[in-house]
């Protein structure tokens, strides 16, 4: 391994070149001899809907909790009435309609939590009397910002430059090259000389987790942050996450908010972009309202050092079904923060000879894990079907591993986190069976109406999530892609879970989105 470090002594981010000013809006072109086209009248119902979405988006963040919860309940009233009407028929329903009711009830609950209970921890204050069991961060905490990369010559420069452009004070950037062979190393050496980042060049391919643990051996800051090599971060993203940890001493980790970096590359990327928004803005926000985000996602994952450092050797040496498990890098690390109060001591005893344990032994605390909506990061998403399928297989393998790990203790964190976690698990596990019953068995038996009802239910759920996107982004027409993602997930991606189970021991790590 080769370690090269040109970090400045005061650990400040590199200078940035100011961006170009925004373009002025293009003037409407006129055609000689032709009268300008009259403005199309807006339908009164559409005008009212636009006004309502703008009013909700503007009023909800500043409204009091009671008012905000009332507004959310009013918006969810149509779905609640639909659920109540169908629930009255519950004694006469079979298993399949009951599944639909459970999904609808779960959707209502997640939306309510995300829009009525969630508050961005980077802008809200913690308790007036902090728990003495959670010591506050230093006034100006130092941050080690880590990145592992392998064969990402096309994306790595934009990623590292965005890391160096962070306005968070006290940052040291450490980039680990996991034996790239496509020119990534040469790019990193050039960026090292220009930006003053630390570059570690590994002499062999060891995998993402081992590469990051090698970087952690050189990290001594109070906060350890990670990103992925195909991401570009907003200048204030890291600072907002550190602010959240500073304001709330009981937060052991926070996740940023991710969208697609290449949303206009294809229909697939546009669909994924809107889907990412919902997965963070709604799903993670609901979990964050209980301080139990189950996955601090790789695009921007920020941890307090004392919440993870003792568990790094367990993370690197994780095994599943008798083989090293190279996936679940973000889910598994989050699990150590969530569950260390119950499993931390046994893990540290198992790796007591590791310097990460013997050099510093931190108490096992019942940390909270949050989500920072204002910390924006964008990632390249697969533009073609084949890379998307490979990515989804990796994620489903991570889901399987995480089920057996985090699922063993999540019930201890309280009823709210337990219902969200195990409810999601049941939905994922049931999805292939529901697809089989509705898309294969029903047509073979001539029950085409049942298939149609299933597809309509899937589209209804997608439309609900799409309308939530519309509320958060008034005037943005991309909400229409959200039903397509729901349909794609139910018709295509659901079948990947059985395949992932059968091949869970096989895998490599790669971030290619081409």
Protein backbone atom coordinates (compact mmCIF):
# COMPACT_ATOMS: atom_id res chain seq x y z
CA UNK A 1 0.00 0.00 0.00
CA UNK A 2 1.19 3.48 -0.87
CA UNK A 3 0.03 6.46 1.16
CA UNK A 4 0.47 9.96 -0.16
CA UNK A 5 -0.75 12.97 1.81
CA UNK A 6 -0.70 16.58 0.80
CA UNK A 7 -3.36 17.74 3.23
CA UNK A 8 -2.80 21.15 4.71
CA UNK A 9 -2.06 21.37 8.40
CA UNK A 10 -5.24 23.24 9.23
CA UNK A 11 -7.40 20.62 7.39
CA UNK A 12 -9.41 23.19 5.47
CA UNK A 13 -11.13 22.46 2.17
CA UNK A 14 -9.41 23.44 -1.04
CA UNK A 15 -10.17 26.69 -2.80
CA UNK A 16 -12.96 26.55 -5.26
CA UNK A 17 -13.46 28.26 -8.57
CA UNK A 18 -16.69 30.23 -8.51
CA UNK A 19 -19.36 28.83 -10.77
CA UNK A 20 -20.54 30.64 -13.83
CA UNK A 21 -23.59 32.90 -13.38
CA UNK A 22 -26.93 31.40 -14.34
CA UNK A 23 -28.15 32.00 -17.85
CA UNK A 24 -30.95 34.48 -18.31
CA UNK A 25 -34.18 32.96 -19.57
CA UNK A 26 -34.34 32.72 -23.32
CA UNK A 27 -36.59 35.24 -25.00
CA UNK A 28 -39.65 33.97 -26.84
CA UNK A 29 -38.99 33.97 -30.57
CA UNK A 30 -41.45 35.78 -32.81
CA UNK A 31 -42.21 34.85 -36.39
CA UNK A 32 -42.67 37.78 -38.84
CA UNK A 33 -46.19 38.06 -40.16
CA UNK A 34 -47.65 35.75 -37.53
CA UNK A 35 -49.66 36.95 -34.57
CA UNK A 36 -48.45 35.69 -31.22
CA UNK A 37 -50.33 32.62 -30.02
CA UNK A 38 -52.87 33.45 -27.34
CA UNK A 39 -52.18 32.07 -23.87
CA UNK A 40 -54.05 28.86 -23.18
CA UNK A 41 -56.63 29.28 -20.41
CA UNK A 42 -55.97 27.25 -17.27
CA UNK A 43 -58.83 25.08 -16.09
CA UNK A 44 -60.22 26.31 -12.73
CA UNK A 45 -59.75 22.91 -11.10
CA UNK A 46 -56.13 22.76 -12.23
CA UNK A 47 -55.58 26.35 -11.03
CA UNK A 48 -57.03 25.42 -7.63
CA UNK A 49 -54.82 22.30 -7.43
CA UNK A 50 -51.72 24.31 -8.25
CA UNK A 51 -52.58 26.93 -5.64
CA UNK A 52 -53.18 24.23 -3.03
CA UNK A 53 -49.87 22.45 -3.66
CA UNK A 54 -47.95 25.74 -3.58
CA UNK A 55 -49.72 26.77 -0.37
CA UNK A 56 -49.01 23.44 1.33
CA UNK A 57 -45.36 23.49 0.25
CA UNK A 58 -44.94 27.03 1.57
CA UNK A 59 -47.04 26.77 4.72
CA UNK A 60 -46.24 23.32 6.05
CA UNK A 61 -42.55 23.88 6.93
CA UNK A 62 -43.32 27.01 8.91
CA UNK A 63 -46.57 25.86 10.46
CA UNK A 64 -46.83 24.66 14.02
CA UNK A 65 -46.85 20.93 14.66
CA UNK A 66 -50.57 20.79 15.34
CA UNK A 67 -51.46 22.77 12.22
CA UNK A 68 -49.08 20.74 10.10
CA UNK A 69 -50.50 17.43 11.32
CA UNK A 70 -54.01 18.65 10.65
CA UNK A 71 -53.06 19.63 7.10
CA UNK A 72 -51.49 16.22 6.50
CA UNK A 73 -54.55 14.43 7.87
CA UNK A 74 -56.80 16.47 5.56
CA UNK A 75 -54.66 15.60 2.55
CA UNK A 76 -54.69 11.91 3.48
CA UNK A 77 -58.45 11.87 4.12
CA UNK A 78 -59.42 10.36 0.72
CA UNK A 79 -57.05 7.43 1.24
CA UNK A 80 -58.22 7.02 4.83
CA UNK A 81 -61.87 6.91 3.74
CA UNK A 82 -61.01 4.33 1.06
CA UNK A 83 -59.18 2.24 3.65
CA UNK A 84 -62.09 2.45 6.10
CA UNK A 85 -64.65 1.41 3.49
CA UNK A 86 -62.61 -1.61 2.47
CA UNK A 87 -61.85 -2.52 6.09
CA UNK A 88 -65.61 -2.89 6.75
CA UNK A 89 -65.55 -5.80 4.29
CA UNK A 90 -62.58 -7.41 6.01
CA UNK A 91 -64.42 -10.50 7.34
CA UNK A 92 -65.43 -11.42 3.77
CA UNK A 93 -62.05 -10.76 2.15
CA UNK A 94 -59.47 -13.34 1.13
CA UNK A 95 -55.71 -13.11 1.68
CA UNK A 96 -54.95 -11.17 -1.49
CA UNK A 97 -57.31 -8.20 -0.82
CA UNK A 98 -56.09 -8.10 2.79
CA UNK A 99 -52.55 -7.66 1.44
CA UNK A 100 -53.77 -4.65 -0.52
CA UNK A 101 -55.34 -3.14 2.58
CA UNK A 102 -52.13 -3.62 4.56
CA UNK A 103 -50.11 -1.92 1.81
CA UNK A 104 -52.58 0.99 1.71
CA UNK A 105 -52.51 1.35 5.50
CA UNK A 106 -48.71 1.29 5.47
CA UNK A 107 -48.60 3.95 2.75
CA UNK A 108 -50.89 6.24 4.76
CA UNK A 109 -48.84 5.75 7.92
CA UNK A 110 -45.49 6.43 6.21
CA UNK A 111 -46.82 9.57 4.51
CA UNK A 112 -48.25 10.85 7.77
CA UNK A 113 -44.99 10.31 9.65
CA UNK A 114 -42.87 11.86 6.90
CA UNK A 115 -44.95 15.01 6.56
CA UNK A 116 -46.18 15.58 10.12
CA UNK A 117 -43.45 14.29 12.45
CA UNK A 118 -40.18 14.62 10.53
CA UNK A 119 -37.98 17.65 11.16
CA UNK A 120 -34.59 18.25 9.58
CA UNK A 121 -32.07 17.72 12.41
CA UNK A 122 -29.62 20.19 10.87
CA UNK A 123 -32.04 23.07 11.47
CA UNK A 124 -33.78 22.01 14.68
CA UNK A 125 -32.36 22.15 18.18
CA UNK A 126 -31.87 19.12 20.38
CA UNK A 127 -33.30 18.72 23.89
CA UNK A 128 -32.73 21.58 26.33
CA UNK A 129 -31.09 19.19 28.79
CA UNK A 130 -28.99 16.73 26.76
CA UNK A 131 -28.70 13.16 27.98
CA UNK A 132 -25.38 12.92 29.87
CA UNK A 133 -24.89 9.51 28.31
CA UNK A 134 -24.29 11.19 24.95
CA UNK A 135 -21.36 13.63 25.16
CA UNK A 136 -21.59 16.58 22.76
CA UNK A 137 -19.19 17.05 19.89
CA UNK A 138 -16.34 19.53 20.10
CA UNK A 139 -17.15 23.13 19.22
CA UNK A 140 -15.48 22.73 15.81
CA UNK A 141 -15.33 18.98 15.23
CA UNK A 142 -12.75 17.63 12.82
CA UNK A 143 -14.09 15.53 9.95
CA UNK A 144 -12.43 12.77 7.95
CA UNK A 145 -14.21 12.39 4.61
CA UNK A 146 -13.51 8.94 3.13
CA UNK A 147 -13.98 7.50 -0.35
CA UNK A 148 -13.12 4.08 -1.79
CA UNK A 149 -12.88 3.75 -5.56
CA UNK A 150 -12.16 1.08 -8.12
CA UNK A 151 -12.07 1.64 -11.90
CA UNK A 152 -14.09 4.89 -11.99
CA UNK A 153 -11.94 7.00 -14.30
CA UNK A 154 -14.99 8.62 -15.87
CA UNK A 155 -16.61 9.82 -12.65
CA UNK A 156 -13.96 10.10 -9.96
CA UNK A 157 -12.72 13.62 -10.74
CA UNK A 158 -16.17 15.21 -10.40
CA UNK A 159 -16.69 13.32 -7.14
CA UNK A 160 -13.39 14.33 -5.53
CA UNK A 161 -13.75 17.95 -6.66
CA UNK A 162 -17.20 18.12 -5.05
CA UNK A 163 -15.73 16.69 -1.83
CA UNK A 164 -12.96 19.30 -1.87
CA UNK A 165 -15.54 22.05 -2.52
CA UNK A 166 -17.30 21.35 0.79
CA UNK A 167 -17.80 24.41 2.96
CA UNK A 168 -17.58 22.30 6.11
CA UNK A 169 -14.60 23.45 8.23
CA UNK A 170 -11.96 21.06 9.51
CA UNK A 171 -12.26 18.47 6.75
CA UNK A 172 -9.56 16.04 5.64
CA UNK A 173 -10.30 14.02 2.50
CA UNK A 174 -8.91 10.48 2.22
CA UNK A 175 -9.37 8.62 -1.07
CA UNK A 176 -8.50 4.93 -1.30
CA UNK A 177 -7.86 3.38 -4.70
CA UNK A 178 -8.66 -0.33 -4.53
CA UNK A 179 -6.13 -1.35 -7.19
CA UNK A 180 -7.78 0.32 -10.21
CA UNK A 181 -6.47 -0.52 -13.68
CA UNK A 182 -8.36 1.96 -15.86
CA UNK A 183 -6.42 5.17 -15.18
CA UNK A 184 -8.21 6.11 -11.96
CA UNK A 185 -4.90 6.14 -10.08
CA UNK A 186 -3.33 8.67 -12.37
CA UNK A 187 -6.34 10.96 -11.99
CA UNK A 188 -6.16 10.69 -8.19
CA UNK A 189 -2.44 11.53 -8.14
CA UNK A 190 -3.13 14.63 -10.22
CA UNK A 191 -6.00 15.67 -7.93
CA UNK A 192 -3.80 15.03 -4.89
CA UNK A 193 -1.25 17.52 -6.17
CA UNK A 194 -3.89 20.07 -7.14
CA UNK A 195 -6.39 19.83 -4.25
CA UNK A 196 -4.24 18.59 -1.39
CA UNK A 197 -6.23 15.45 -0.62
CA UNK A 198 -4.83 12.28 0.91
CA UNK A 199 -4.54 9.39 -1.55
CA UNK A 200 -3.98 5.76 -0.59
CA UNK A 201 -2.97 3.38 -3.38
CA UNK A 202 -3.59 -0.25 -2.45
CA UNK A 203 -1.30 -2.89 -3.91
CA UNK A 204 -4.11 -5.42 -4.38
CA UNK A 205 -7.87 -5.48 -4.68
CA UNK A 206 -9.36 -6.02 -1.20
CA UNK A 207 -13.00 -4.95 -1.65
CA UNK A 208 -14.85 -1.82 -0.67
CA UNK A 209 -15.27 -2.51 3.06
CA UNK A 210 -11.63 -3.48 3.58
CA UNK A 211 -10.51 -0.44 1.57
CA UNK A 212 -12.58 1.89 3.75
CA UNK A 213 -11.35 0.24 6.94
CA UNK A 214 -7.78 0.80 5.71
CA UNK A 215 -8.65 4.49 5.37
CA UNK A 216 -10.20 4.51 8.84
CA UNK A 217 -6.87 3.35 10.24
CA UNK A 218 -5.52 6.79 9.22
CA UNK A 219 -8.64 8.68 10.36
CA UNK A 220 -8.60 10.27 13.80
CA UNK A 221 -11.37 12.88 13.56
CA UNK A 222 -14.47 13.04 15.74
CA UNK A 223 -16.69 12.62 12.66
CA UNK A 224 -16.20 10.07 9.88
CA UNK A 225 -18.09 10.63 6.62
CA UNK A 226 -18.37 8.44 3.53
CA UNK A 227 -19.52 8.95 -0.03
CA UNK A 228 -19.56 6.88 -3.20
CA UNK A 229 -17.27 7.36 -6.17
CA UNK A 230 -20.08 8.17 -8.63
CA UNK A 231 -21.57 10.98 -6.54
CA UNK A 232 -21.42 14.77 -6.61
CA UNK A 233 -22.20 16.64 -3.39
CA UNK A 234 -23.63 20.08 -2.79
CA UNK A 235 -21.06 22.36 -1.10
CA UNK A 236 -23.11 22.54 2.11
CA UNK A 237 -24.17 18.87 2.25
CA UNK A 238 -21.45 17.62 4.60
CA UNK A 239 -21.68 20.68 6.84
CA UNK A 240 -25.41 20.19 7.29
CA UNK A 241 -24.88 16.58 8.37
CA UNK A 242 -22.20 17.63 10.86
CA UNK A 243 -24.52 20.36 12.14
CA UNK A 244 -27.17 17.71 12.77
CA UNK A 245 -24.72 15.63 14.83
CA UNK A 246 -23.67 18.75 16.71
CA UNK A 247 -27.23 19.86 17.50
CA UNK A 248 -28.35 16.38 18.58
CA UNK A 249 -25.67 14.60 20.65
CA UNK A 250 -27.68 11.37 20.68
CA UNK A 251 -27.44 11.04 16.90
CA UNK A 252 -24.78 8.48 16.05
CA UNK A 253 -25.25 8.73 12.29
CA UNK A 254 -27.17 10.64 9.64
CA UNK A 255 -27.93 10.10 5.97
CA UNK A 256 -28.03 12.80 3.31
CA UNK A 257 -30.68 13.25 0.61
CA UNK A 258 -29.89 11.68 -2.75
CA UNK A 259 -31.22 12.25 -6.27
CA UNK A 260 -30.03 11.17 -9.72
CA UNK A 261 -27.06 12.99 -11.23
CA UNK A 262 -28.05 11.95 -14.76
CA UNK A 263 -31.86 12.17 -14.76
CA UNK A 264 -32.13 13.09 -18.43
CA UNK A 265 -30.02 10.21 -19.79
CA UNK A 266 -32.99 7.90 -20.43
CA UNK A 267 -36.50 7.06 -19.32
CA UNK A 268 -35.01 4.71 -16.73
CA UNK A 269 -32.97 7.48 -15.13
CA UNK A 270 -35.97 9.83 -14.99
CA UNK A 271 -38.02 7.14 -13.28
CA UNK A 272 -35.25 6.40 -10.79
CA UNK A 273 -34.72 10.08 -10.01
CA UNK A 274 -38.31 10.53 -8.84
CA UNK A 275 -38.15 7.19 -7.00
CA UNK A 276 -34.99 8.24 -5.13
CA UNK A 277 -36.74 11.41 -4.00
CA UNK A 278 -39.54 9.42 -2.42
CA UNK A 279 -37.29 6.82 -0.84
CA UNK A 280 -35.39 9.56 0.98
CA UNK A 281 -38.00 12.29 1.48
CA UNK A 282 -40.73 9.90 2.64
CA UNK A 283 -39.31 6.51 3.67
CA UNK A 284 -36.19 7.78 5.45
CA UNK A 285 -38.06 10.76 6.90
CA UNK A 286 -40.62 8.39 8.45
CA UNK A 287 -37.85 6.29 10.00
CA UNK A 288 -36.00 9.42 11.11
CA UNK A 289 -39.05 10.59 13.06
CA UNK A 290 -38.26 7.68 15.42
CA UNK A 291 -34.48 8.11 15.19
CA UNK A 292 -34.19 4.67 13.59
CA UNK A 293 -33.17 5.08 9.94
CA UNK A 294 -32.30 1.51 8.97
CA UNK A 295 -29.84 2.40 6.20
CA UNK A 296 -27.54 5.43 6.18
CA UNK A 297 -27.07 5.38 2.43
CA UNK A 298 -23.65 5.38 0.76
CA UNK A 299 -23.96 8.60 -1.27
CA UNK A 300 -23.57 10.57 1.98
CA UNK A 301 -23.21 8.69 5.26
CA UNK A 302 -21.91 10.63 8.27
CA UNK A 303 -21.08 8.98 11.62
CA UNK A 304 -19.76 9.98 15.00
CA UNK A 305 -16.47 8.18 15.38
CA UNK A 306 -17.32 6.64 18.73
CA UNK A 307 -20.50 5.11 17.28
CA UNK A 308 -18.68 2.93 14.72
CA UNK A 309 -14.93 2.70 15.31
CA UNK A 310 -15.09 -0.36 17.61
CA UNK A 311 -17.16 -2.25 15.02
CA UNK A 312 -15.04 -1.65 11.94
CA UNK A 313 -13.24 -5.02 12.19
CA UNK A 314 -16.60 -6.81 12.48
CA UNK A 315 -17.81 -4.85 9.45
CA UNK A 316 -14.78 -5.80 7.35
CA UNK A 317 -14.90 -9.45 8.45
CA UNK A 318 -18.64 -9.94 8.12
CA UNK A 319 -19.64 -13.41 6.95
CA UNK A 320 -23.01 -14.78 5.89
CA UNK A 321 -23.89 -18.44 5.23
CA UNK A 322 -20.26 -19.38 5.72
CA UNK A 323 -18.79 -16.97 3.14
CA UNK A 324 -17.43 -13.38 3.29
CA UNK A 325 -20.21 -10.94 2.55
CA UNK A 326 -19.10 -8.04 0.39
CA UNK A 327 -22.43 -6.25 0.09
CA UNK A 328 -24.53 -4.38 2.69
CA UNK A 329 -21.74 -1.90 3.32
CA UNK A 330 -24.10 0.91 4.35
CA UNK A 331 -26.91 -1.18 5.85
CA UNK A 332 -24.54 -3.25 7.96
CA UNK A 333 -22.60 -0.26 9.30
CA UNK A 334 -25.88 1.42 10.19
CA UNK A 335 -26.89 -1.75 12.01
CA UNK A 336 -23.89 -1.46 14.33
CA UNK A 337 -25.05 2.02 15.35
CA UNK A 338 -28.67 0.96 15.84
CA UNK A 339 -28.00 -2.27 17.71
CA UNK A 340 -24.77 -1.84 19.66
CA UNK A 341 -26.67 -1.51 22.94
CA UNK A 342 -27.60 -5.18 22.58
CA UNK A 343 -24.92 -6.77 20.38
CA UNK A 344 -22.00 -4.35 20.74
CA UNK A 345 -20.20 -6.04 23.64
CA UNK A 346 -20.18 -9.49 22.00
CA UNK A 347 -18.82 -8.03 18.74
CA UNK A 348 -16.04 -6.17 20.55
CA UNK A 349 -15.12 -9.30 22.49
CA UNK A 350 -14.84 -11.22 19.23
CA UNK A 351 -12.39 -8.68 17.80
CA UNK A 352 -10.69 -7.60 21.03
CA UNK A 353 -7.22 -7.93 19.46
CA UNK A 354 -7.97 -5.41 16.71
CA UNK A 355 -6.44 -1.94 17.20
CA UNK A 356 -9.90 -0.48 16.54
CA UNK A 357 -11.06 -2.15 19.77
CA UNK A 358 -7.96 -2.38 21.95
CA UNK A 359 -6.83 1.23 21.39
CA UNK A 360 -10.17 2.84 22.26
CA UNK A 361 -13.16 1.20 23.91
CA UNK A 362 -16.33 3.29 23.72
CA UNK A 363 -19.50 2.55 25.73
CA UNK A 364 -22.33 0.77 23.92
CA UNK A 365 -24.97 3.47 23.55
CA UNK A 366 -28.51 3.46 22.25
CA UNK A 367 -27.77 5.92 19.47
CA UNK A 368 -30.43 7.45 17.27
CA UNK A 369 -29.95 7.48 13.48
CA UNK A 370 -31.39 10.33 11.42
CA UNK A 371 -31.82 11.77 7.94
CA UNK A 372 -30.90 15.29 6.79
CA UNK A 373 -33.19 16.34 3.98
CA UNK A 374 -31.26 19.55 3.27
CA UNK A 375 -27.95 17.69 2.65
CA UNK A 376 -28.15 17.18 -1.10
CA UNK A 377 -26.05 14.72 -3.08
CA UNK A 378 -26.52 13.33 -6.57
CA UNK A 379 -25.43 9.96 -7.89
CA UNK A 380 -25.17 8.39 -11.33
CA UNK A 381 -28.01 5.90 -11.70
CA UNK A 382 -28.07 3.10 -14.31
CA UNK A 383 -29.22 4.36 -17.69
CA UNK A 384 -29.76 0.88 -19.15
CA UNK A 385 -31.73 -2.13 -17.97
CA UNK A 386 -28.84 -4.59 -17.49
CA UNK A 387 -26.80 -2.42 -15.05
CA UNK A 388 -30.00 -1.54 -13.21
CA UNK A 389 -30.84 -5.21 -12.73
CA UNK A 390 -27.34 -5.93 -11.42
CA UNK A 391 -27.62 -3.03 -9.00
CA UNK A 392 -31.00 -4.22 -7.77
CA UNK A 393 -29.65 -7.74 -7.22
CA UNK A 394 -26.86 -6.29 -5.05
CA UNK A 395 -29.36 -4.27 -3.08
CA UNK A 396 -31.65 -7.24 -2.53
CA UNK A 397 -28.71 -9.32 -1.30
CA UNK A 398 -27.99 -6.49 1.13
CA UNK A 399 -31.63 -6.58 2.19
CA UNK A 400 -31.42 -10.31 2.88
CA UNK A 401 -28.25 -9.97 4.95
CA UNK A 402 -29.64 -6.99 6.83
CA UNK A 403 -32.83 -8.89 7.64
CA UNK A 404 -30.89 -11.50 9.58
CA UNK A 405 -28.68 -8.90 11.30
CA UNK A 406 -30.74 -5.78 12.03
CA UNK A 407 -33.92 -7.84 12.18
CA UNK A 408 -32.55 -9.64 15.23
CA UNK A 409 -32.77 -6.53 17.43
CA UNK A 410 -34.93 -3.87 15.74
CA UNK A 411 -37.94 -4.94 17.82
CA UNK A 412 -36.04 -3.66 20.87
CA UNK A 413 -36.04 -0.09 19.58
CA UNK A 414 -39.76 0.35 20.17
CA UNK A 415 -43.07 -0.25 18.40
CA UNK A 416 -42.72 2.54 15.82
CA UNK A 417 -39.31 1.49 14.43
CA UNK A 418 -40.31 -2.16 14.64
CA UNK A 419 -43.51 -1.70 12.64
CA UNK A 420 -41.71 0.29 9.94
CA UNK A 421 -38.83 -2.19 9.66
CA UNK A 422 -40.71 -5.48 9.81
CA UNK A 423 -43.61 -4.09 7.77
CA UNK A 424 -41.19 -3.22 4.98
CA UNK A 425 -39.63 -6.68 5.28
CA UNK A 426 -43.02 -8.38 4.90
CA UNK A 427 -43.87 -6.19 1.90
CA UNK A 428 -40.61 -7.06 0.12
CA UNK A 429 -40.93 -10.77 0.88
CA UNK A 430 -44.56 -10.87 -0.24
CA UNK A 431 -43.98 -8.94 -3.49
CA UNK A 432 -42.76 -11.96 -5.57
CA UNK A 433 -45.66 -14.09 -4.31
CA UNK A 434 -48.20 -11.39 -5.12
CA UNK A 435 -46.70 -10.95 -8.58
CA UNK A 436 -46.90 -14.72 -9.14
CA UNK A 437 -50.53 -14.90 -8.05
CA UNK A 438 -51.73 -11.90 -10.03
CA UNK A 439 -49.52 -11.86 -13.12
CA UNK A 440 -49.13 -15.59 -13.74
CA UNK A 441 -51.70 -17.70 -11.91
CA UNK A 442 -54.70 -15.40 -12.38
CA UNK A 443 -54.33 -15.09 -16.20
CA UNK A 444 -53.83 -18.86 -16.52
CA UNK A 445 -57.12 -19.36 -14.68
CA UNK A 446 -58.88 -16.72 -16.75
CA UNK A 447 -59.16 -14.28 -13.82
CA UNK A 448 -58.11 -11.28 -15.87
CA UNK A 449 -60.13 -8.92 -13.68
CA UNK A 450 -57.96 -9.87 -10.70
CA UNK A 451 -54.84 -9.06 -12.72
CA UNK A 452 -56.33 -5.72 -13.75
CA UNK A 453 -57.23 -4.86 -10.16
CA UNK A 454 -53.70 -5.69 -9.04
CA UNK A 455 -52.16 -3.44 -11.69
CA UNK A 456 -54.58 -0.65 -10.81
CA UNK A 457 -53.68 -0.97 -7.14
CA UNK A 458 -49.97 -0.74 -7.97
CA UNK A 459 -50.58 2.35 -10.11
CA UNK A 460 -52.72 3.91 -7.37
CA UNK A 461 -49.89 3.57 -4.88
CA UNK A 462 -47.47 5.08 -7.42
CA UNK A 463 -49.83 7.99 -8.02
CA UNK A 464 -50.05 8.68 -4.29
CA UNK A 465 -46.25 8.84 -4.05
CA UNK A 466 -46.22 10.93 -7.23
CA UNK A 467 -48.64 13.44 -5.73
CA UNK A 468 -46.41 13.67 -2.67
CA UNK A 469 -43.56 14.56 -5.03
CA UNK A 470 -45.81 17.19 -6.62
CA UNK A 471 -46.51 18.76 -3.21
CA UNK A 472 -42.78 19.01 -2.50
CA UNK A 473 -41.98 20.26 -6.01
CA UNK A 474 -44.86 22.44 -7.27
CA UNK A 475 -44.91 22.76 -11.02
CA UNK A 476 -42.48 19.85 -11.58
CA UNK A 477 -44.14 17.43 -14.01
CA UNK A 478 -41.73 14.58 -13.29
CA UNK A 479 -44.14 13.26 -10.64
CA UNK A 480 -45.79 11.35 -13.50
CA UNK A 481 -42.86 8.94 -13.63
CA UNK A 482 -43.50 7.64 -10.11
CA UNK A 483 -46.39 5.29 -11.09
CA UNK A 484 -44.09 3.79 -13.74
CA UNK A 485 -41.55 2.92 -11.03
CA UNK A 486 -44.23 1.23 -8.94
CA UNK A 487 -45.33 -0.81 -11.92
CA UNK A 488 -41.76 -1.67 -12.89
CA UNK A 489 -40.97 -2.69 -9.32
CA UNK A 490 -43.98 -4.98 -9.03
CA UNK A 491 -43.80 -6.51 -12.50
CA UNK A 492 -40.02 -6.83 -12.99
CA UNK A 493 -37.93 -6.15 -9.88
CA UNK A 494 -40.01 -8.32 -7.54
CA UNK A 495 -38.73 -11.44 -9.32
CA UNK A 496 -35.13 -10.58 -8.43
CA UNK A 497 -35.56 -11.46 -4.75
CA UNK A 498 -35.66 -15.25 -5.28
CA UNK A 499 -32.63 -15.01 -7.58
CA UNK A 500 -30.78 -12.89 -5.02
CA UNK A 501 -31.49 -15.48 -2.32
CA UNK A 502 -30.07 -18.26 -4.47
CA UNK A 503 -26.90 -16.31 -5.34
CA UNK A 504 -26.40 -14.42 -2.07
CA UNK A 505 -22.90 -15.84 -1.54
CA UNK A 506 -21.67 -14.65 -4.92
CA UNK A 507 -20.66 -11.09 -5.62
CA UNK A 508 -18.17 -8.35 -6.44
CA UNK A 509 -18.41 -4.63 -5.83
CA UNK A 510 -18.67 -2.22 -8.73
CA UNK A 511 -20.27 1.19 -9.13
CA UNK A 512 -20.65 1.30 -12.91
CA UNK A 513 -23.94 2.84 -13.97
CA UNK A 514 -23.48 2.55 -17.71
